[in-house]
Protein backbone atom coordinates (compact mmCIF):
# COMPACT_ATOMS: atom_id res chain seq x y z
CA MET A 1 -19.96 -142.27 102.44
CA ASP A 2 -17.52 -140.89 104.97
CA ARG A 3 -16.12 -137.37 104.93
CA ALA A 4 -12.72 -138.34 103.45
CA ASP A 5 -14.38 -140.18 100.56
CA PHE A 6 -16.70 -137.24 99.90
CA PHE A 7 -13.81 -134.76 99.94
CA GLU A 8 -11.85 -136.93 97.49
CA GLN A 9 -14.84 -137.08 95.15
CA VAL A 10 -15.10 -133.28 95.31
CA TYR A 11 -11.39 -132.97 94.50
CA GLN A 12 -11.76 -135.29 91.52
CA VAL A 13 -14.52 -133.10 90.08
CA VAL A 14 -12.64 -129.85 90.73
CA ARG A 15 -9.56 -131.19 88.96
CA LEU A 16 -11.73 -131.55 85.82
CA ILE A 17 -12.75 -127.88 85.67
CA PRO A 18 -11.00 -126.45 82.59
CA LYS A 19 -8.71 -123.44 82.89
CA GLY A 20 -10.66 -120.26 82.32
CA ARG A 21 -13.89 -121.70 83.72
CA VAL A 22 -15.52 -121.77 87.17
CA THR A 23 -18.21 -123.81 88.88
CA SER A 24 -20.16 -123.51 92.11
CA TYR A 25 -20.23 -125.43 95.36
CA GLY A 26 -23.86 -126.33 94.67
CA ALA A 27 -23.20 -127.62 91.16
CA ILE A 28 -20.53 -129.97 92.53
CA ALA A 29 -22.84 -131.15 95.32
CA GLN A 30 -25.64 -131.81 92.84
CA TYR A 31 -23.30 -133.70 90.52
CA LEU A 32 -22.21 -135.94 93.40
CA GLY A 33 -25.85 -136.69 94.22
CA THR A 34 -25.74 -134.77 97.48
CA ARG A 35 -27.83 -131.74 96.58
CA GLY A 36 -27.99 -129.47 99.59
CA SER A 37 -24.45 -130.22 100.72
CA SER A 38 -22.84 -127.14 99.20
CA ARG A 39 -21.38 -126.26 102.59
CA MET A 40 -19.58 -129.62 102.73
CA VAL A 41 -18.11 -128.91 99.29
CA GLY A 42 -16.89 -125.63 100.76
CA TYR A 43 -15.29 -127.46 103.67
CA ALA A 44 -13.54 -129.72 101.17
CA MET A 45 -12.24 -126.67 99.30
CA ASN A 46 -10.98 -125.14 102.56
CA GLY A 47 -8.81 -128.20 103.11
CA SER A 48 -7.71 -128.67 99.52
CA HIS A 49 -4.61 -126.48 99.47
CA THR A 50 -2.24 -129.23 100.59
CA VAL A 51 -3.83 -132.11 98.68
CA GLN A 52 -1.87 -133.92 95.96
CA PRO A 53 -2.32 -133.92 93.07
CA PRO A 54 -3.16 -130.21 93.33
CA VAL A 55 -6.79 -129.07 93.39
CA PRO A 56 -7.58 -125.81 91.53
CA ALA A 57 -9.81 -124.53 94.33
CA HIS A 58 -9.76 -121.01 92.89
CA ARG A 59 -12.19 -122.24 90.20
CA VAL A 60 -14.97 -122.89 92.73
CA VAL A 61 -17.16 -119.92 93.66
CA ASN A 62 -20.64 -119.45 95.07
CA ARG A 63 -23.81 -119.67 92.96
CA GLN A 64 -23.65 -115.96 92.16
CA GLY A 65 -20.00 -116.00 91.14
CA LEU A 66 -18.72 -114.47 94.37
CA LEU A 67 -15.26 -115.37 95.64
CA THR A 68 -16.58 -116.41 99.05
CA GLY A 69 -13.64 -118.74 99.69
CA LYS A 70 -10.93 -116.15 99.06
CA HIS A 71 -9.96 -115.86 102.74
CA HIS A 72 -8.74 -119.48 102.63
CA PHE A 73 -5.99 -118.61 100.16
CA ALA A 74 -2.44 -117.46 100.96
CA SER A 75 -3.32 -113.78 100.47
CA ALA A 76 -6.43 -111.64 100.14
CA THR A 77 -5.98 -111.44 96.36
CA ALA A 78 -4.57 -114.91 95.57
CA MET A 79 -7.88 -116.40 94.41
CA GLN A 80 -8.66 -113.43 92.16
CA ASP A 81 -5.09 -113.38 90.84
CA ALA A 82 -5.28 -117.08 89.91
CA LEU A 83 -8.60 -116.59 88.12
CA GLU A 84 -7.39 -113.52 86.24
CA LYS A 85 -4.25 -115.38 85.16
CA GLU A 86 -6.64 -117.82 83.44
CA GLY A 87 -8.52 -115.00 81.70
CA ILE A 88 -11.48 -114.73 84.07
CA HIS A 89 -12.44 -111.15 84.89
CA VAL A 90 -13.23 -110.41 88.53
CA LYS A 91 -14.62 -107.14 89.85
CA ASP A 92 -15.49 -106.48 93.50
CA ASP A 93 -14.91 -110.15 94.35
CA GLN A 94 -17.38 -111.32 91.69
CA VAL A 95 -16.71 -113.24 88.48
CA GLN A 96 -17.82 -111.16 85.51
CA ASP A 97 -19.72 -112.86 82.68
CA PHE A 98 -20.43 -115.64 85.17
CA LYS A 99 -22.94 -117.45 82.97
CA THR A 100 -20.43 -117.49 80.10
CA VAL A 101 -17.54 -118.97 82.12
CA PHE A 102 -19.68 -121.25 84.29
CA TRP A 103 -18.81 -124.93 83.92
CA ASP A 104 -21.58 -127.26 85.05
CA PRO A 105 -20.38 -130.78 85.87
CA ASN A 106 -24.00 -131.93 85.59
CA THR A 107 -23.95 -131.25 81.84
CA GLU A 108 -20.22 -131.53 81.11
CA LEU A 109 -19.61 -134.87 82.83
CA THR A 110 -21.39 -138.17 83.05
CA LEU A 111 -21.28 -140.26 86.21
């Protein structure tokens, strides 16, 4: 699978994350059968801001709920603002009640 195909698969999964929920780079990688490629999922998210249809990249955080990708958004608070608009509470760059709002494509979706 080439990089463009992988990125498109990542975008397809991210578009399925419901409003008010988040997932992790690793959960997406595992769902795509590429466990260990969390960093590549991150690279896909970094480049997702101009992709059509839109990709809700703000819903992808690290495995601890940290907003590690926030510096790739238009402003320092844009990622947190987008999450809070969907009802997700963020404190000190970390999603609160992470286990409650976590959406796992491995259990929510079937290949």
